[in-house]
């Protein structure tokens, strides 16, 4: 909740147009991704935020994906 409040007050202070928001990338901690009170959930619940895509941190995706691939012969 504190992360969301700090972000939202910053957005309002600099007059950042939220309707341009396309995606949010974050790491997988509960403060960011919790279904009810994580940052992404609070953004989705707030009326000023448009529909957006939430991504898990890109480098983590690559690491997680590479673990599933058999790259021993590369």
PDB file of N, CA and C in Angstrom:
ATOM      1  N   UNK A   1       0.820  -1.192   0.000  1.00  0.00           N
ATOM      2  CA  UNK A   1       0.000   0.000   0.000  1.00  0.00           C
ATOM      3  C   UNK A   1       0.863   1.256   0.000  1.00  0.00           C
ATOM      4  N   UNK A   2       1.961   1.230   0.738  1.00  0.00           N
ATOM      5  CA  UNK A   2       2.838   2.398   0.788  1.00  0.00           C
ATOM      6  C   UNK A   2       3.504   2.646  -0.563  1.00  0.00           C
ATOM      7  N   UNK A   3       3.867   1.564  -1.244  1.00  0.00           N
ATOM      8  CA  UNK A   3       4.487   1.702  -2.565  1.00  0.00           C
ATOM      9  C   UNK A   3       3.493   2.338  -3.526  1.00  0.00           C
ATOM     10  N   UNK A   4       2.256   1.853  -3.511  1.00  0.00           N
ATOM     11  CA  UNK A   4       1.225   2.409  -4.387  1.00  0.00           C
ATOM     12  C   UNK A   4       0.977   3.876  -4.071  1.00  0.00           C
ATOM     13  N   UNK A   5       0.825   4.206  -2.803  1.00  0.00           N
ATOM     14  CA  UNK A   5       0.563   5.603  -2.419  1.00  0.00           C
ATOM     15  C   UNK A   5       1.705   6.525  -2.835  1.00  0.00           C
ATOM     16  N   UNK A   6       2.940   6.079  -2.658  1.00  0.00           N
ATOM     17  CA  UNK A   6       4.093   6.894  -3.060  1.00  0.00           C
ATOM     18  C   UNK A   6       4.111   7.074  -4.577  1.00  0.00           C
ATOM     19  N   UNK A   7       3.858   5.998  -5.309  1.00  0.00           N
ATOM     20  CA  UNK A   7       3.839   6.085  -6.772  1.00  0.00           C
ATOM     21  C   UNK A   7       2.714   6.990  -7.255  1.00  0.00           C
ATOM     22  N   UNK A   8       1.533   6.816  -6.702  1.00  0.00           N
ATOM     23  CA  UNK A   8       0.382   7.594  -7.150  1.00  0.00           C
ATOM     24  C   UNK A   8       0.547   9.080  -6.831  1.00  0.00           C
ATOM     25  N   UNK A   9       1.109   9.397  -5.680  1.00  0.00           N
ATOM     26  CA  UNK A   9       1.329  10.815  -5.363  1.00  0.00           C
ATOM     27  C   UNK A   9       2.400  11.416  -6.272  1.00  0.00           C
ATOM     28  N   UNK A  10       3.419  10.631  -6.622  1.00  0.00           N
ATOM     29  CA  UNK A  10       4.443  11.095  -7.558  1.00  0.00           C
ATOM     30  C   UNK A  10       3.832  11.356  -8.938  1.00  0.00           C
ATOM     31  N   UNK A  11       3.008  10.423  -9.409  1.00  0.00           N
ATOM     32  CA  UNK A  11       2.353  10.567 -10.719  1.00  0.00           C
ATOM     33  C   UNK A  11       1.507  11.836 -10.743  1.00  0.00           C
ATOM     34  N   UNK A  12       0.763  12.080  -9.684  1.00  0.00           N
ATOM     35  CA  UNK A  12      -0.073  13.281  -9.612  1.00  0.00           C
ATOM     36  C   UNK A  12       0.755  14.555  -9.539  1.00  0.00           C
ATOM     37  N   UNK A  13       1.853  14.501  -8.786  1.00  0.00           N
ATOM     38  CA  UNK A  13       2.688  15.694  -8.619  1.00  0.00           C
ATOM     39  C   UNK A  13       3.321  16.126  -9.939  1.00  0.00           C
ATOM     40  N   UNK A  14       3.790  15.179 -10.746  1.00  0.00           N
ATOM     41  CA  UNK A  14       4.428  15.555 -12.009  1.00  0.00           C
ATOM     42  C   UNK A  14       3.453  15.547 -13.192  1.00  0.00           C
ATOM     43  N   UNK A  15       2.180  15.260 -12.879  1.00  0.00           N
ATOM     44  CA  UNK A  15       1.115  15.268 -13.890  1.00  0.00           C
ATOM     45  C   UNK A  15       1.394  14.287 -15.037  1.00  0.00           C
ATOM     46  N   UNK A  16       1.800  13.082 -14.658  1.00  0.00           N
ATOM     47  CA  UNK A  16       2.050  12.017 -15.625  1.00  0.00           C
ATOM     48  C   UNK A  16       0.716  11.441 -16.089  1.00  0.00           C
ATOM     49  N   UNK A  17       0.450  11.419 -17.391  1.00  0.00           N
ATOM     50  CA  UNK A  17      -0.842  10.913 -17.875  1.00  0.00           C
ATOM     51  C   UNK A  17      -0.906   9.384 -17.804  1.00  0.00           C
ATOM     52  N   UNK A  18      -1.689   8.879 -16.883  1.00  0.00           N
ATOM     53  CA  UNK A  18      -1.780   7.434 -16.692  1.00  0.00           C
ATOM     54  C   UNK A  18      -2.445   6.719 -17.856  1.00  0.00           C
ATOM     55  N   UNK A  19      -3.218   7.416 -18.667  1.00  0.00           N
ATOM     56  CA  UNK A  19      -3.870   6.744 -19.782  1.00  0.00           C
ATOM     57  C   UNK A  19      -2.857   6.218 -20.803  1.00  0.00           C
ATOM     58  N   UNK A  20      -1.610   6.680 -20.729  1.00  0.00           N
ATOM     59  CA  UNK A  20      -0.553   6.171 -21.608  1.00  0.00           C
ATOM     60  C   UNK A  20       0.105   4.899 -21.074  1.00  0.00           C
ATOM     61  N   UNK A  21      -0.245   4.498 -19.862  1.00  0.00           N
ATOM     62  CA  UNK A  21       0.361   3.327 -19.242  1.00  0.00           C
ATOM     63  C   UNK A  21      -0.034   2.066 -20.013  1.00  0.00           C
ATOM     64  N   UNK A  22       0.959   1.299 -20.429  1.00  0.00           N
ATOM     65  CA  UNK A  22       0.716   0.069 -21.180  1.00  0.00           C
ATOM     66  C   UNK A  22       1.029  -1.153 -20.338  1.00  0.00           C
ATOM     67  N   UNK A  23       2.140  -1.097 -19.599  1.00  0.00           N
ATOM     68  CA  UNK A  23       2.537  -2.268 -18.813  1.00  0.00           C
ATOM     69  C   UNK A  23       3.315  -1.844 -17.583  1.00  0.00           C
ATOM     70  N   UNK A  24       3.381  -2.768 -16.630  1.00  0.00           N
ATOM     71  CA  UNK A  24       4.182  -2.595 -15.423  1.00  0.00           C
ATOM     72  C   UNK A  24       5.036  -3.837 -15.279  1.00  0.00           C
ATOM     73  N   UNK A  25       6.322  -3.641 -15.103  1.00  0.00           N
ATOM     74  CA  UNK A  25       7.240  -4.752 -14.874  1.00  0.00           C
ATOM     75  C   UNK A  25       7.712  -4.691 -13.438  1.00  0.00           C
ATOM     76  N   UNK A  26       7.641  -5.817 -12.756  1.00  0.00           N
ATOM     77  CA  UNK A  26       8.048  -5.852 -11.354  1.00  0.00           C
ATOM     78  C   UNK A  26       8.707  -7.183 -11.041  1.00  0.00           C
ATOM     79  N   UNK A  27       9.295  -7.257  -9.868  1.00  0.00           N
ATOM     80  CA  UNK A  27       9.805  -8.538  -9.403  1.00  0.00           C
ATOM     81  C   UNK A  27       8.665  -9.250  -8.680  1.00  0.00           C
ATOM     82  N   UNK A  28       8.875 -10.464  -8.268  1.00  0.00           N
ATOM     83  CA  UNK A  28       7.776 -11.288  -7.777  1.00  0.00           C
ATOM     84  C   UNK A  28       7.479 -11.244  -6.296  1.00  0.00           C
ATOM     85  N   UNK A  29       7.856 -10.205  -5.588  1.00  0.00           N
ATOM     86  CA  UNK A  29       7.574 -10.170  -4.154  1.00  0.00           C
ATOM     87  C   UNK A  29       6.093  -9.921  -3.890  1.00  0.00           C
ATOM     88  N   UNK A  30       5.637 -10.308  -2.704  1.00  0.00           N
ATOM     89  CA  UNK A  30       4.234 -10.118  -2.350  1.00  0.00           C
ATOM     90  C   UNK A  30       3.829  -8.653  -2.336  1.00  0.00           C
ATOM     91  N   UNK A  31       4.747  -7.768  -1.998  1.00  0.00           N
ATOM     92  CA  UNK A  31       4.435  -6.336  -1.990  1.00  0.00           C
ATOM     93  C   UNK A  31       4.073  -5.851  -3.383  1.00  0.00           C
ATOM     94  N   UNK A  32       4.562  -6.530  -4.394  1.00  0.00           N
ATOM     95  CA  UNK A  32       4.278  -6.120  -5.769  1.00  0.00           C
ATOM     96  C   UNK A  32       3.150  -6.931  -6.405  1.00  0.00           C
ATOM     97  N   UNK A  33       3.068  -8.223  -6.114  1.00  0.00           N
ATOM     98  CA  UNK A  33       2.171  -9.087  -6.883  1.00  0.00           C
ATOM     99  C   UNK A  33       1.044  -9.724  -6.081  1.00  0.00           C
ATOM    100  N   UNK A  34       0.889  -9.404  -4.823  1.00  0.00           N
ATOM    101  CA  UNK A  34      -0.197  -9.986  -4.031  1.00  0.00           C
ATOM    102  C   UNK A  34      -1.541  -9.692  -4.700  1.00  0.00           C
ATOM    103  N   UNK A  35      -2.420 -10.668  -4.685  1.00  0.00           N
ATOM    104  CA  UNK A  35      -3.701 -10.555  -5.397  1.00  0.00           C
ATOM    105  C   UNK A  35      -4.627  -9.473  -4.852  1.00  0.00           C
ATOM    106  N   UNK A  36      -4.496  -9.152  -3.576  1.00  0.00           N
ATOM    107  CA  UNK A  36      -5.435  -8.197  -2.993  1.00  0.00           C
ATOM    108  C   UNK A  36      -4.824  -6.839  -2.681  1.00  0.00           C
ATOM    109  N   UNK A  37      -3.618  -6.820  -2.124  1.00  0.00           N
ATOM    110  CA  UNK A  37      -3.060  -5.526  -1.733  1.00  0.00           C
ATOM    111  C   UNK A  37      -1.642  -5.310  -2.241  1.00  0.00           C
ATOM    112  N   UNK A  38      -1.243  -6.022  -3.269  1.00  0.00           N
ATOM    113  CA  UNK A  38       0.039  -5.765  -3.912  1.00  0.00           C
ATOM    114  C   UNK A  38      -0.057  -4.547  -4.810  1.00  0.00           C
ATOM    115  N   UNK A  39       1.075  -4.022  -5.196  1.00  0.00           N
ATOM    116  CA  UNK A  39       1.110  -2.815  -6.027  1.00  0.00           C
ATOM    117  C   UNK A  39       0.304  -2.982  -7.313  1.00  0.00           C
ATOM    118  N   UNK A  40       0.495  -4.090  -8.002  1.00  0.00           N
ATOM    119  CA  UNK A  40      -0.202  -4.304  -9.275  1.00  0.00           C
ATOM    120  C   UNK A  40      -1.703  -4.429  -9.050  1.00  0.00           C
ATOM    121  N   UNK A  41      -2.117  -5.148  -8.006  1.00  0.00           N
ATOM    122  CA  UNK A  41      -3.548  -5.282  -7.706  1.00  0.00           C
ATOM    123  C   UNK A  41      -4.169  -3.930  -7.385  1.00  0.00           C
ATOM    124  N   UNK A  42      -3.465  -3.113  -6.624  1.00  0.00           N
ATOM    125  CA  UNK A  42      -3.995  -1.786  -6.288  1.00  0.00           C
ATOM    126  C   UNK A  42      -4.100  -0.899  -7.528  1.00  0.00           C
ATOM    127  N   UNK A  43      -3.149  -1.013  -8.433  1.00  0.00           N
ATOM    128  CA  UNK A  43      -3.228  -0.250  -9.688  1.00  0.00           C
ATOM    129  C   UNK A  43      -4.429  -0.705 -10.510  1.00  0.00           C
ATOM    130  N   UNK A  44      -4.647  -2.010 -10.580  1.00  0.00           N
ATOM    131  CA  UNK A  44      -5.789  -2.541 -11.349  1.00  0.00           C
ATOM    132  C   UNK A  44      -7.124  -2.105 -10.735  1.00  0.00           C
ATOM    133  N   UNK A  45      -7.175  -1.971  -9.419  1.00  0.00           N
ATOM    134  CA  UNK A  45      -8.417  -1.596  -8.741  1.00  0.00           C
ATOM    135  C   UNK A  45      -8.716  -0.101  -8.828  1.00  0.00           C
ATOM    136  N   UNK A  46      -7.703   0.702  -9.038  1.00  0.00           N
ATOM    137  CA  UNK A  46      -7.884   2.161  -9.026  1.00  0.00           C
ATOM    138  C   UNK A  46      -8.479   2.626 -10.347  1.00  0.00           C
ATOM    139  N   UNK A  47      -9.422   3.535 -10.267  1.00  0.00           N
ATOM    140  CA  UNK A  47     -10.150   4.006 -11.453  1.00  0.00           C
ATOM    141  C   UNK A  47      -9.308   4.839 -12.416  1.00  0.00           C
ATOM    142  N   UNK A  48      -8.226   5.445 -11.963  1.00  0.00           N
ATOM    143  CA  UNK A  48      -7.402   6.278 -12.837  1.00  0.00           C
ATOM    144  C   UNK A  48      -6.470   5.473 -13.737  1.00  0.00           C
ATOM    145  N   UNK A  49      -6.262   4.211 -13.412  1.00  0.00           N
ATOM    146  CA  UNK A  49      -5.350   3.384 -14.199  1.00  0.00           C
ATOM    147  C   UNK A  49      -6.104   2.682 -15.320  1.00  0.00           C
ATOM    148  N   UNK A  50      -5.544   2.686 -16.522  1.00  0.00           N
ATOM    149  CA  UNK A  50      -6.175   1.950 -17.631  1.00  0.00           C
ATOM    150  C   UNK A  50      -5.861   0.463 -17.497  1.00  0.00           C
ATOM    151  N   UNK A  51      -6.420  -0.350 -18.388  1.00  0.00           N
ATOM    152  CA  UNK A  51      -6.021  -1.758 -18.444  1.00  0.00           C
ATOM    153  C   UNK A  51      -4.561  -1.812 -18.868  1.00  0.00           C
ATOM    154  N   UNK A  52      -3.778  -2.632 -18.212  1.00  0.00           N
ATOM    155  CA  UNK A  52      -2.364  -2.748 -18.544  1.00  0.00           C
ATOM    156  C   UNK A  52      -1.931  -4.198 -18.379  1.00  0.00           C
ATOM    157  N   UNK A  53      -0.781  -4.501 -18.927  1.00  0.00           N
ATOM    158  CA  UNK A  53      -0.198  -5.834 -18.827  1.00  0.00           C
ATOM    159  C   UNK A  53       0.858  -5.799 -17.724  1.00  0.00           C
ATOM    160  N   UNK A  54       0.856  -6.805 -16.869  1.00  0.00           N
ATOM    161  CA  UNK A  54       1.852  -6.901 -15.809  1.00  0.00           C
ATOM    162  C   UNK A  54       2.864  -7.985 -16.177  1.00  0.00           C
ATOM    163  N   UNK A  55       4.128  -7.620 -16.163  1.00  0.00           N
ATOM    164  CA  UNK A  55       5.209  -8.549 -16.491  1.00  0.00           C
ATOM    165  C   UNK A  55       6.040  -8.838 -15.253  1.00  0.00           C
ATOM    166  N   UNK A  56       6.524 -10.071 -15.196  1.00  0.00           N
ATOM    167  CA  UNK A  56       7.535 -10.414 -14.199  1.00  0.00           C
ATOM    168  C   UNK A  56       8.854  -9.899 -14.738  1.00  0.00           C
ATOM    169  N   UNK A  57       9.734  -9.481 -13.872  1.00  0.00           N
ATOM    170  CA  UNK A  57      11.026  -8.907 -14.235  1.00  0.00           C
ATOM    171  C   UNK A  57      11.662  -9.695 -15.388  1.00  0.00           C
ATOM    172  N   UNK A  58      11.997  -9.037 -16.482  1.00  0.00           N
ATOM    173  CA  UNK A  58      12.402  -9.670 -17.723  1.00  0.00           C
ATOM    174  C   UNK A  58      13.621 -10.577 -17.555  1.00  0.00           C
ATOM    175  N   UNK A  59      14.626 -10.142 -16.827  1.00  0.00           N
ATOM    176  CA  UNK A  59      15.816 -10.980 -16.658  1.00  0.00           C
ATOM    177  C   UNK A  59      15.449 -12.244 -15.890  1.00  0.00           C
ATOM    178  N   UNK A  60      14.574 -12.146 -14.910  1.00  0.00           N
ATOM    179  CA  UNK A  60      14.128 -13.336 -14.191  1.00  0.00           C
ATOM    180  C   UNK A  60      13.402 -14.280 -15.135  1.00  0.00           C
ATOM    181  N   UNK A  61      12.612 -13.748 -16.066  1.00  0.00           N
ATOM    182  CA  UNK A  61      11.932 -14.607 -17.033  1.00  0.00           C
ATOM    183  C   UNK A  61      12.939 -15.377 -17.858  1.00  0.00           C
ATOM    184  N   UNK A  62      14.006 -14.724 -18.276  1.00  0.00           N
ATOM    185  CA  UNK A  62      15.020 -15.407 -19.070  1.00  0.00           C
ATOM    186  C   UNK A  62      15.699 -16.503 -18.264  1.00  0.00           C
ATOM    187  N   UNK A  63      15.999 -16.232 -17.025  1.00  0.00           N
ATOM    188  CA  UNK A  63      16.642 -17.243 -16.177  1.00  0.00           C
ATOM    189  C   UNK A  63      15.703 -18.411 -15.952  1.00  0.00           C
ATOM    190  N   UNK A  64      14.446 -18.115 -15.636  1.00  0.00           N
ATOM    191  CA  UNK A  64      13.484 -19.185 -15.411  1.00  0.00           C
ATOM    192  C   UNK A  64      13.273 -20.012 -16.684  1.00  0.00           C
ATOM    193  N   UNK A  65      13.216 -19.350 -17.814  1.00  0.00           N
ATOM    194  CA  UNK A  65      13.055 -20.057 -19.084  1.00  0.00           C
ATOM    195  C   UNK A  65      14.257 -20.900 -19.435  1.00  0.00           C
ATOM    196  N   UNK A  66      15.445 -20.404 -19.161  1.00  0.00           N
ATOM    197  CA  UNK A  66      16.652 -21.153 -19.511  1.00  0.00           C
ATOM    198  C   UNK A  66      16.802 -22.397 -18.656  1.00  0.00           C
ATOM    199  N   UNK A  67      16.238 -22.400 -17.477  1.00  0.00           N
ATOM    200  CA  UNK A  67      16.290 -23.595 -16.622  1.00  0.00           C
ATOM    201  C   UNK A  67      15.472 -24.735 -17.210  1.00  0.00           C
ATOM    202  N   UNK A  68      14.441 -24.402 -17.951  1.00  0.00           N
ATOM    203  CA  UNK A  68      13.571 -25.414 -18.530  1.00  0.00           C
ATOM    204  C   UNK A  68      14.132 -25.968 -19.837  1.00  0.00           C
ATOM    205  N   UNK A  69      14.996 -25.224 -20.477  1.00  0.00           N
ATOM    206  CA  UNK A  69      15.573 -25.671 -21.742  1.00  0.00           C
ATOM    207  C   UNK A  69      16.820 -26.500 -21.488  1.00  0.00           C
ATOM    208  N   UNK A  70      17.036 -27.481 -22.318  1.00  0.00           N
ATOM    209  CA  UNK A  70      18.264 -28.280 -22.224  1.00  0.00           C
ATOM    210  C   UNK A  70      19.315 -27.592 -23.075  1.00  0.00           C
ATOM    211  N   UNK A  71      20.175 -26.827 -22.428  1.00  0.00           N
ATOM    212  CA  UNK A  71      21.192 -26.070 -23.144  1.00  0.00           C
ATOM    213  C   UNK A  71      22.587 -26.644 -22.917  1.00  0.00           C
ATOM    214  N   UNK A  72      22.677 -27.885 -22.483  1.00  0.00           N
ATOM    215  CA  UNK A  72      23.975 -28.472 -22.183  1.00  0.00           C
ATOM    216  C   UNK A  72      24.852 -28.659 -23.425  1.00  0.00           C
ATOM    217  N   UNK A  73      24.232 -28.786 -24.609  1.00  0.00           N
ATOM    218  CA  UNK A  73      25.026 -28.981 -25.837  1.00  0.00           C
ATOM    219  C   UNK A  73      25.253 -27.699 -26.610  1.00  0.00           C
ATOM    220  N   UNK A  74      24.890 -26.568 -26.035  1.00  0.00           N
ATOM    221  CA  UNK A  74      25.079 -25.285 -26.731  1.00  0.00           C
ATOM    222  C   UNK A  74      26.329 -24.621 -26.240  1.00  0.00           C
TER     223      UNK A  74
END
